[in-house]
Structure formats: structure tokens, C-alpha cells
Amino acid sequence: MAWRQAGVYLSHYTGSQWDETSRVPVSELRPGDLVFYGSSGPTSHHVGLYVGGGQMIEAPHTGAVVRYASIYRSDLLPYGGRP
């Protein structure tokens, strides 16, 4: 929704968001980039919006409160996405 407010349309499904963005190494993430979780980008099961300092904004699951959280988890993919 944040990107839509800026005039950029991204699909709802994480695998599609992977396809619709450019790859960025985690070490080069900038605020607004997407971080993906899973075994591969196309099959990723979760995405967050990077805000800097190793933090993201995420909705952990349907119906949960949106929150700030660390991006560092065991299933963090080595590349984020930049719309």
C-alpha cells in the first residue's frame, strides 16, 4: 500500500512482487525496498518494507497488527526488491 500511495502498483502475492522488482543485495537495501522470506524469491511466503537500520514494517499474518521488526530471520533471502 505504501508504494501504491507513491503511484507504483505491486501485486498482492509475494512471488509476483519478487518478479515486479529489481534485485538489491541485503547489504545495499534502502528505505522503501522490499525484503523477502522463504526458500526462493518466486516462492517467497512473506515480505516486509525496509525502513533502515535492519528494521522493516510488516504485517506478521492476516489480522495481526502492523509492526516494526528486525529483518534478520533464518529465511531472509539474500536479495531484496526495489520497485
PDB file of N, CA and C in Angstrom:
ATOM      1  N   MET A   1       0.818  -1.188   0.000  1.00  0.00           N
ATOM      2  CA  MET A   1       0.000   0.000   0.000  1.00  0.00           C
ATOM      3  C   MET A   1       0.865   1.257   0.000  1.00  0.00           C
ATOM      4  N   ALA A   2       2.008   1.207   0.666  1.00  0.00           N
ATOM      5  CA  ALA A   2       2.893   2.379   0.701  1.00  0.00           C
ATOM      6  C   ALA A   2       3.353   2.746  -0.709  1.00  0.00           C
ATOM      7  N   TRP A   3       3.734   1.764  -1.488  1.00  0.00           N
ATOM      8  CA  TRP A   3       4.172   2.047  -2.860  1.00  0.00           C
ATOM      9  C   TRP A   3       3.007   2.527  -3.720  1.00  0.00           C
ATOM     10  N   ARG A   4       1.822   2.003  -3.501  1.00  0.00           N
ATOM     11  CA  ARG A   4       0.657   2.446  -4.266  1.00  0.00           C
ATOM     12  C   ARG A   4       0.397   3.930  -4.016  1.00  0.00           C
ATOM     13  N   GLN A   5       0.599   4.383  -2.774  1.00  0.00           N
ATOM     14  CA  GLN A   5       0.437   5.800  -2.447  1.00  0.00           C
ATOM     15  C   GLN A   5       1.405   6.660  -3.259  1.00  0.00           C
ATOM     16  N   ALA A   6       2.532   6.072  -3.654  1.00  0.00           N
ATOM     17  CA  ALA A   6       3.530   6.784  -4.467  1.00  0.00           C
ATOM     18  C   ALA A   6       3.309   6.569  -5.962  1.00  0.00           C
ATOM     19  N   GLY A   7       2.206   5.904  -6.315  1.00  0.00           N
ATOM     20  CA  GLY A   7       1.892   5.705  -7.725  1.00  0.00           C
ATOM     21  C   GLY A   7       2.488   4.464  -8.350  1.00  0.00           C
ATOM     22  N   VAL A   8       3.035   3.567  -7.525  1.00  0.00           N
ATOM     23  CA  VAL A   8       3.626   2.318  -8.022  1.00  0.00           C
ATOM     24  C   VAL A   8       2.695   1.173  -7.643  1.00  0.00           C
ATOM     25  N   TYR A   9       2.254   0.409  -8.629  1.00  0.00           N
ATOM     26  CA  TYR A   9       1.376  -0.716  -8.362  1.00  0.00           C
ATOM     27  C   TYR A   9       2.186  -2.005  -8.257  1.00  0.00           C
ATOM     28  N   LEU A  10       2.010  -2.717  -7.149  1.00  0.00           N
ATOM     29  CA  LEU A  10       2.606  -4.039  -6.959  1.00  0.00           C
ATOM     30  C   LEU A  10       1.482  -5.013  -6.639  1.00  0.00           C
ATOM     31  N   SER A  11       1.596  -6.207  -7.152  1.00  0.00           N
ATOM     32  CA  SER A  11       0.607  -7.251  -6.873  1.00  0.00           C
ATOM     33  C   SER A  11       0.578  -7.576  -5.390  1.00  0.00           C
ATOM     34  N   HIS A  12      -0.449  -8.260  -4.960  1.00  0.00           N
ATOM     35  CA  HIS A  12      -0.575  -8.642  -3.553  1.00  0.00           C
ATOM     36  C   HIS A  12       0.314  -9.846  -3.206  1.00  0.00           C
ATOM     37  N   TYR A  13       0.463 -10.788  -4.119  1.00  0.00           N
ATOM     38  CA  TYR A  13       1.219 -12.030  -3.888  1.00  0.00           C
ATOM     39  C   TYR A  13       2.725 -11.750  -3.843  1.00  0.00           C
ATOM     40  N   THR A  14       3.417 -12.287  -2.830  1.00  0.00           N
ATOM     41  CA  THR A  14       4.846 -12.025  -2.659  1.00  0.00           C
ATOM     42  C   THR A  14       5.684 -12.488  -3.844  1.00  0.00           C
ATOM     43  N   GLY A  15       5.356 -13.636  -4.425  1.00  0.00           N
ATOM     44  CA  GLY A  15       6.111 -14.118  -5.586  1.00  0.00           C
ATOM     45  C   GLY A  15       6.000 -13.161  -6.761  1.00  0.00           C
ATOM     46  N   SER A  16       4.851 -12.566  -6.942  1.00  0.00           N
ATOM     47  CA  SER A  16       4.675 -11.573  -8.012  1.00  0.00           C
ATOM     48  C   SER A  16       5.457 -10.311  -7.696  1.00  0.00           C
ATOM     49  N   GLN A  17       5.471  -9.895  -6.432  1.00  0.00           N
ATOM     50  CA  GLN A  17       6.247  -8.718  -6.048  1.00  0.00           C
ATOM     51  C   GLN A  17       7.732  -8.953  -6.320  1.00  0.00           C
ATOM     52  N   TRP A  18       8.186 -10.165  -6.120  1.00  0.00           N
ATOM     53  CA  TRP A  18       9.576 -10.514  -6.437  1.00  0.00           C
ATOM     54  C   TRP A  18       9.829 -10.275  -7.924  1.00  0.00           C
ATOM     55  N   ASP A  19       8.910 -10.740  -8.761  1.00  0.00           N
ATOM     56  CA  ASP A  19       9.058 -10.590 -10.212  1.00  0.00           C
ATOM     57  C   ASP A  19       8.945  -9.139 -10.664  1.00  0.00           C
ATOM     58  N   GLU A  20       8.223  -8.326  -9.937  1.00  0.00           N
ATOM     59  CA  GLU A  20       7.953  -6.939 -10.331  1.00  0.00           C
ATOM     60  C   GLU A  20       8.995  -5.945  -9.828  1.00  0.00           C
ATOM     61  N   THR A  21      10.013  -6.423  -9.102  1.00  0.00           N
ATOM     62  CA  THR A  21      11.033  -5.538  -8.544  1.00  0.00           C
ATOM     63  C   THR A  21      12.424  -5.945  -9.017  1.00  0.00           C
ATOM     64  N   SER A  22      13.369  -5.004  -8.876  1.00  0.00           N
ATOM     65  CA  SER A  22      14.772  -5.266  -9.225  1.00  0.00           C
ATOM     66  C   SER A  22      15.497  -5.805  -8.002  1.00  0.00           C
ATOM     67  N   ARG A  23      16.454  -6.711  -8.221  1.00  0.00           N
ATOM     68  CA  ARG A  23      17.199  -7.320  -7.116  1.00  0.00           C
ATOM     69  C   ARG A  23      18.190  -6.322  -6.516  1.00  0.00           C
ATOM     70  N   VAL A  24      18.263  -6.334  -5.193  1.00  0.00           N
ATOM     71  CA  VAL A  24      19.185  -5.491  -4.430  1.00  0.00           C
ATOM     72  C   VAL A  24      19.767  -6.358  -3.313  1.00  0.00           C
ATOM     73  N   PRO A  25      21.100  -6.450  -3.202  1.00  0.00           N
ATOM     74  CA  PRO A  25      21.671  -7.224  -2.095  1.00  0.00           C
ATOM     75  C   PRO A  25      21.210  -6.647  -0.749  1.00  0.00           C
ATOM     76  N   VAL A  26      20.996  -7.497   0.225  1.00  0.00           N
ATOM     77  CA  VAL A  26      20.555  -7.047   1.547  1.00  0.00           C
ATOM     78  C   VAL A  26      21.489  -5.967   2.087  1.00  0.00           C
ATOM     79  N   SER A  27      22.772  -6.079   1.818  1.00  0.00           N
ATOM     80  CA  SER A  27      23.743  -5.086   2.305  1.00  0.00           C
ATOM     81  C   SER A  27      23.553  -3.709   1.668  1.00  0.00           C
ATOM     82  N   GLU A  28      22.779  -3.624   0.593  1.00  0.00           N
ATOM     83  CA  GLU A  28      22.572  -2.346  -0.106  1.00  0.00           C
ATOM     84  C   GLU A  28      21.122  -1.857  -0.045  1.00  0.00           C
ATOM     85  N   LEU A  29      20.329  -2.427   0.858  1.00  0.00           N
ATOM     86  CA  LEU A  29      18.933  -2.016   0.974  1.00  0.00           C
ATOM     87  C   LEU A  29      18.820  -0.546   1.351  1.00  0.00           C
ATOM     88  N   ARG A  30      17.793   0.102   0.818  1.00  0.00           N
ATOM     89  CA  ARG A  30      17.451   1.480   1.169  1.00  0.00           C
ATOM     90  C   ARG A  30      16.010   1.494   1.665  1.00  0.00           C
ATOM     91  N   PRO A  31      15.657   2.472   2.502  1.00  0.00           N
ATOM     92  CA  PRO A  31      14.260   2.562   2.944  1.00  0.00           C
ATOM     93  C   PRO A  31      13.303   2.533   1.755  1.00  0.00           C
ATOM     94  N   GLY A  32      12.272   1.722   1.880  1.00  0.00           N
ATOM     95  CA  GLY A  32      11.293   1.551   0.812  1.00  0.00           C
ATOM     96  C   GLY A  32      11.485   0.273   0.019  1.00  0.00           C
ATOM     97  N   ASP A  33      12.675  -0.327   0.094  1.00  0.00           N
ATOM     98  CA  ASP A  33      12.899  -1.598  -0.586  1.00  0.00           C
ATOM     99  C   ASP A  33      12.101  -2.698   0.120  1.00  0.00           C
ATOM    100  N   LEU A  34      11.835  -3.762  -0.600  1.00  0.00           N
ATOM    101  CA  LEU A  34      11.113  -4.898  -0.042  1.00  0.00           C
ATOM    102  C   LEU A  34      12.098  -5.982   0.368  1.00  0.00           C
ATOM    103  N   VAL A  35      11.841  -6.631   1.491  1.00  0.00           N
ATOM    104  CA  VAL A  35      12.643  -7.782   1.930  1.00  0.00           C
ATOM    105  C   VAL A  35      11.745  -9.013   1.873  1.00  0.00           C
ATOM    106  N   PHE A  36      12.315 -10.106   1.387  1.00  0.00           N
ATOM    107  CA  PHE A  36      11.539 -11.323   1.134  1.00  0.00           C
ATOM    108  C   PHE A  36      12.038 -12.479   1.996  1.00  0.00           C
ATOM    109  N   TYR A  37      11.103 -13.387   2.297  1.00  0.00           N
ATOM    110  CA  TYR A  37      11.382 -14.537   3.155  1.00  0.00           C
ATOM    111  C   TYR A  37      10.860 -15.811   2.515  1.00  0.00           C
ATOM    112  N   GLY A  38      11.655 -16.866   2.610  1.00  0.00           N
ATOM    113  CA  GLY A  38      11.269 -18.159   2.067  1.00  0.00           C
ATOM    114  C   GLY A  38      12.477 -18.892   1.549  1.00  0.00           C
ATOM    115  N   SER A  39      12.247 -19.876   0.691  1.00  0.00           N
ATOM    116  CA  SER A  39      13.348 -20.661   0.133  1.00  0.00           C
ATOM    117  C   SER A  39      13.830 -20.096  -1.204  1.00  0.00           C
ATOM    118  N   SER A  40      12.996 -19.284  -1.859  1.00  0.00           N
ATOM    119  CA  SER A  40      13.402 -18.603  -3.097  1.00  0.00           C
ATOM    120  C   SER A  40      12.465 -17.421  -3.310  1.00  0.00           C
ATOM    121  N   GLY A  41      12.882 -16.477  -4.127  1.00  0.00           N
ATOM    122  CA  GLY A  41      12.055 -15.305  -4.399  1.00  0.00           C
ATOM    123  C   GLY A  41      10.695 -15.634  -4.982  1.00  0.00           C
ATOM    124  N   PRO A  42      10.659 -16.428  -6.053  1.00  0.00           N
ATOM    125  CA  PRO A  42       9.368 -16.734  -6.661  1.00  0.00           C
ATOM    126  C   PRO A  42       8.411 -17.489  -5.738  1.00  0.00           C
ATOM    127  N   THR A  43       8.943 -18.222  -4.762  1.00  0.00           N
ATOM    128  CA  THR A  43       8.072 -18.965  -3.841  1.00  0.00           C
ATOM    129  C   THR A  43       8.066 -18.342  -2.443  1.00  0.00           C
ATOM    130  N   SER A  44       8.512 -17.104  -2.330  1.00  0.00           N
ATOM    131  CA  SER A  44       8.575 -16.456  -1.012  1.00  0.00           C
ATOM    132  C   SER A  44       7.201 -16.440  -0.355  1.00  0.00           C
ATOM    133  N   HIS A  45       7.201 -16.502   0.968  1.00  0.00           N
ATOM    134  CA  HIS A  45       5.944 -16.578   1.708  1.00  0.00           C
ATOM    135  C   HIS A  45       5.667 -15.328   2.532  1.00  0.00           C
ATOM    136  N   HIS A  46       6.623 -14.393   2.580  1.00  0.00           N
ATOM    137  CA  HIS A  46       6.438 -13.190   3.394  1.00  0.00           C
ATOM    138  C   HIS A  46       7.280 -12.072   2.807  1.00  0.00           C
ATOM    139  N   VAL A  47       6.806 -10.836   2.977  1.00  0.00           N
ATOM    140  CA  VAL A  47       7.532  -9.658   2.509  1.00  0.00           C
ATOM    141  C   VAL A  47       7.347  -8.549   3.525  1.00  0.00           C
ATOM    142  N   GLY A  48       8.379  -7.731   3.683  1.00  0.00           N
ATOM    143  CA  GLY A  48       8.316  -6.564   4.560  1.00  0.00           C
ATOM    144  C   GLY A  48       8.841  -5.349   3.830  1.00  0.00           C
ATOM    145  N   LEU A  49       8.553  -4.175   4.359  1.00  0.00           N
ATOM    146  CA  LEU A  49       9.006  -2.908   3.791  1.00  0.00           C
ATOM    147  C   LEU A  49      10.169  -2.408   4.636  1.00  0.00           C
ATOM    148  N   TYR A  50      11.360  -2.367   4.033  1.00  0.00           N
ATOM    149  CA  TYR A  50      12.569  -1.969   4.752  1.00  0.00           C
ATOM    150  C   TYR A  50      12.501  -0.491   5.112  1.00  0.00           C
ATOM    151  N   VAL A  51      12.851  -0.148   6.362  1.00  0.00           N
ATOM    152  CA  VAL A  51      12.833   1.250   6.801  1.00  0.00           C
ATOM    153  C   VAL A  51      14.207   1.748   7.221  1.00  0.00           C
ATOM    154  N   GLY A  52      15.221   0.873   7.205  1.00  0.00           N
ATOM    155  CA  GLY A  52      16.573   1.264   7.588  1.00  0.00           C
ATOM    156  C   GLY A  52      16.979   0.641   8.905  1.00  0.00           C
ATOM    157  N   GLY A  53      18.282   0.637   9.156  1.00  0.00           N
ATOM    158  CA  GLY A  53      18.801   0.130  10.420  1.00  0.00           C
ATOM    159  C   GLY A  53      18.475  -1.318  10.712  1.00  0.00           C
ATOM    160  N   GLY A  54      18.309  -2.120   9.661  1.00  0.00           N
ATOM    161  CA  GLY A  54      17.992  -3.532   9.849  1.00  0.00           C
ATOM    162  C   GLY A  54      16.550  -3.772  10.259  1.00  0.00           C
ATOM    163  N   GLN A  55      15.685  -2.778  10.104  1.00  0.00           N
ATOM    164  CA  GLN A  55      14.287  -2.872  10.518  1.00  0.00           C
ATOM    165  C   GLN A  55      13.348  -2.810   9.315  1.00  0.00           C
ATOM    166  N   MET A  56      12.168  -3.381   9.487  1.00  0.00           N
ATOM    167  CA  MET A  56      11.133  -3.344   8.456  1.00  0.00           C
ATOM    168  C   MET A  56       9.792  -3.087   9.123  1.00  0.00           C
ATOM    169  N   ILE A  57       8.822  -2.747   8.306  1.00  0.00           N
ATOM    170  CA  ILE A  57       7.428  -2.708   8.725  1.00  0.00           C
ATOM    171  C   ILE A  57       6.796  -3.943   8.105  1.00  0.00           C
ATOM    172  N   GLU A  58       6.053  -4.688   8.899  1.00  0.00           N
ATOM    173  CA  GLU A  58       5.440  -5.919   8.408  1.00  0.00           C
ATOM    174  C   GLU A  58       4.093  -6.159   9.062  1.00  0.00           C
ATOM    175  N   ALA A  59       3.281  -6.918   8.378  1.00  0.00           N
ATOM    176  CA  ALA A  59       2.068  -7.494   8.961  1.00  0.00           C
ATOM    177  C   ALA A  59       2.395  -8.972   9.120  1.00  0.00           C
ATOM    178  N   PRO A  60       2.649  -9.439  10.336  1.00  0.00           N
ATOM    179  CA  PRO A  60       3.146 -10.805  10.518  1.00  0.00           C
ATOM    180  C   PRO A  60       2.233 -11.898   9.976  1.00  0.00           C
ATOM    181  N   HIS A  61       0.931 -11.659   9.990  1.00  0.00           N
ATOM    182  CA  HIS A  61      -0.029 -12.598   9.403  1.00  0.00           C
ATOM    183  C   HIS A  61      -1.369 -11.889   9.286  1.00  0.00           C
ATOM    184  N   THR A  62      -2.263 -12.442   8.517  1.00  0.00           N
ATOM    185  CA  THR A  62      -3.575 -11.845   8.309  1.00  0.00           C
ATOM    186  C   THR A  62      -4.263 -11.583   9.641  1.00  0.00           C
ATOM    187  N   GLY A  63      -4.741 -10.360   9.807  1.00  0.00           N
ATOM    188  CA  GLY A  63      -5.448  -9.985  11.024  1.00  0.00           C
ATOM    189  C   GLY A  63      -4.560  -9.462  12.136  1.00  0.00           C
ATOM    190  N   ALA A  64      -3.241  -9.552  11.979  1.00  0.00           N
ATOM    191  CA  ALA A  64      -2.315  -9.079  13.012  1.00  0.00           C
ATOM    192  C   ALA A  64      -2.056  -7.579  12.847  1.00  0.00           C
ATOM    193  N   VAL A  65      -1.593  -6.960  13.917  1.00  0.00           N
ATOM    194  CA  VAL A  65      -1.251  -5.550  13.908  1.00  0.00           C
ATOM    195  C   VAL A  65       0.049  -5.350  13.137  1.00  0.00           C
ATOM    196  N   VAL A  66       0.071  -4.342  12.269  1.00  0.00           N
ATOM    197  CA  VAL A  66       1.295  -4.000  11.537  1.00  0.00           C
ATOM    198  C   VAL A  66       2.308  -3.500  12.557  1.00  0.00           C
ATOM    199  N   ARG A  67       3.575  -3.917  12.392  1.00  0.00           N
ATOM    200  CA  ARG A  67       4.593  -3.600  13.397  1.00  0.00           C
ATOM    201  C   ARG A  67       5.961  -3.391  12.764  1.00  0.00           C
ATOM    202  N   TYR A  68       6.879  -2.804  13.544  1.00  0.00           N
ATOM    203  CA  TYR A  68       8.291  -2.740  13.197  1.00  0.00           C
ATOM    204  C   TYR A  68       8.933  -4.030  13.700  1.00  0.00           C
ATOM    205  N   ALA A  69       9.871  -4.573  12.913  1.00  0.00           N
ATOM    206  CA  ALA A  69      10.564  -5.795  13.320  1.00  0.00           C
ATOM    207  C   ALA A  69      11.926  -5.845  12.638  1.00  0.00           C
ATOM    208  N   SER A  70      12.809  -6.644  13.170  1.00  0.00           N
ATOM    209  CA  SER A  70      14.106  -6.878  12.545  1.00  0.00           C
ATOM    210  C   SER A  70      13.913  -7.649  11.243  1.00  0.00           C
ATOM    211  N   ILE A  71      14.748  -7.357  10.250  1.00  0.00           N
ATOM    212  CA  ILE A  71      14.682  -8.126   9.006  1.00  0.00           C
ATOM    213  C   ILE A  71      15.411  -9.453   9.145  1.00  0.00           C
ATOM    214  N   TYR A  72      16.234  -9.583  10.171  1.00  0.00           N
ATOM    215  CA  TYR A  72      17.112 -10.747  10.270  1.00  0.00           C
ATOM    216  C   TYR A  72      16.407 -11.948  10.875  1.00  0.00           C
ATOM    217  N   ARG A  73      16.074 -12.883   9.985  1.00  0.00           N
ATOM    218  CA  ARG A  73      15.455 -14.159  10.344  1.00  0.00           C
ATOM    219  C   ARG A  73      16.124 -15.239   9.503  1.00  0.00           C
ATOM    220  N   SER A  74      15.961 -16.465   9.894  1.00  0.00           N
ATOM    221  CA  SER A  74      16.664 -17.558   9.215  1.00  0.00           C
ATOM    222  C   SER A  74      16.264 -17.706   7.751  1.00  0.00           C
ATOM    223  N   ASP A  75      15.051 -17.289   7.376  1.00  0.00           N
ATOM    224  CA  ASP A  75      14.619 -17.464   5.991  1.00  0.00           C
ATOM    225  C   ASP A  75      14.658 -16.175   5.160  1.00  0.00           C
ATOM    226  N   LEU A  76      15.414 -15.156   5.648  1.00  0.00           N
ATOM    227  CA  LEU A  76      15.624 -13.930   4.870  1.00  0.00           C
ATOM    228  C   LEU A  76      16.381 -14.263   3.600  1.00  0.00           C
ATOM    229  N   LEU A  77      15.854 -13.861   2.462  1.00  0.00           N
ATOM    230  CA  LEU A  77      16.557 -14.081   1.205  1.00  0.00           C
ATOM    231  C   LEU A  77      17.692 -13.071   1.057  1.00  0.00           C
ATOM    232  N   PRO A  78      18.775 -13.420   0.362  1.00  0.00           N
ATOM    233  CA  PRO A  78      19.941 -12.534   0.265  1.00  0.00           C
ATOM    234  C   PRO A  78      19.725 -11.301  -0.596  1.00  0.00           C
ATOM    235  N   TYR A  79      18.597 -11.224  -1.301  1.00  0.00           N
ATOM    236  CA  TYR A  79      18.297 -10.075  -2.140  1.00  0.00           C
ATOM    237  C   TYR A  79      16.915  -9.549  -1.818  1.00  0.00           C
ATOM    238  N   GLY A  80      16.818  -8.216  -1.772  1.00  0.00           N
ATOM    239  CA  GLY A  80      15.531  -7.554  -1.624  1.00  0.00           C
ATOM    240  C   GLY A  80      15.029  -7.136  -3.004  1.00  0.00           C
ATOM    241  N   GLY A  81      13.963  -6.373  -2.987  1.00  0.00           N
ATOM    242  CA  GLY A  81      13.384  -5.888  -4.242  1.00  0.00           C
ATOM    243  C   GLY A  81      13.212  -4.382  -4.202  1.00  0.00           C
ATOM    244  N   ARG A  82      13.552  -3.734  -5.308  1.00  0.00           N
ATOM    245  CA  ARG A  82      13.376  -2.278  -5.436  1.00  0.00           C
ATOM    246  C   ARG A  82      12.431  -2.013  -6.590  1.00  0.00           C
ATOM    247  N   PRO A  83      11.272  -1.415  -6.267  1.00  0.00           N
ATOM    248  CA  PRO A  83      10.293  -1.096  -7.346  1.00  0.00           C
ATOM    249  C   PRO A  83      10.837  -0.084  -8.340  1.00  0.00           C
TER     250      PRO A  83
END
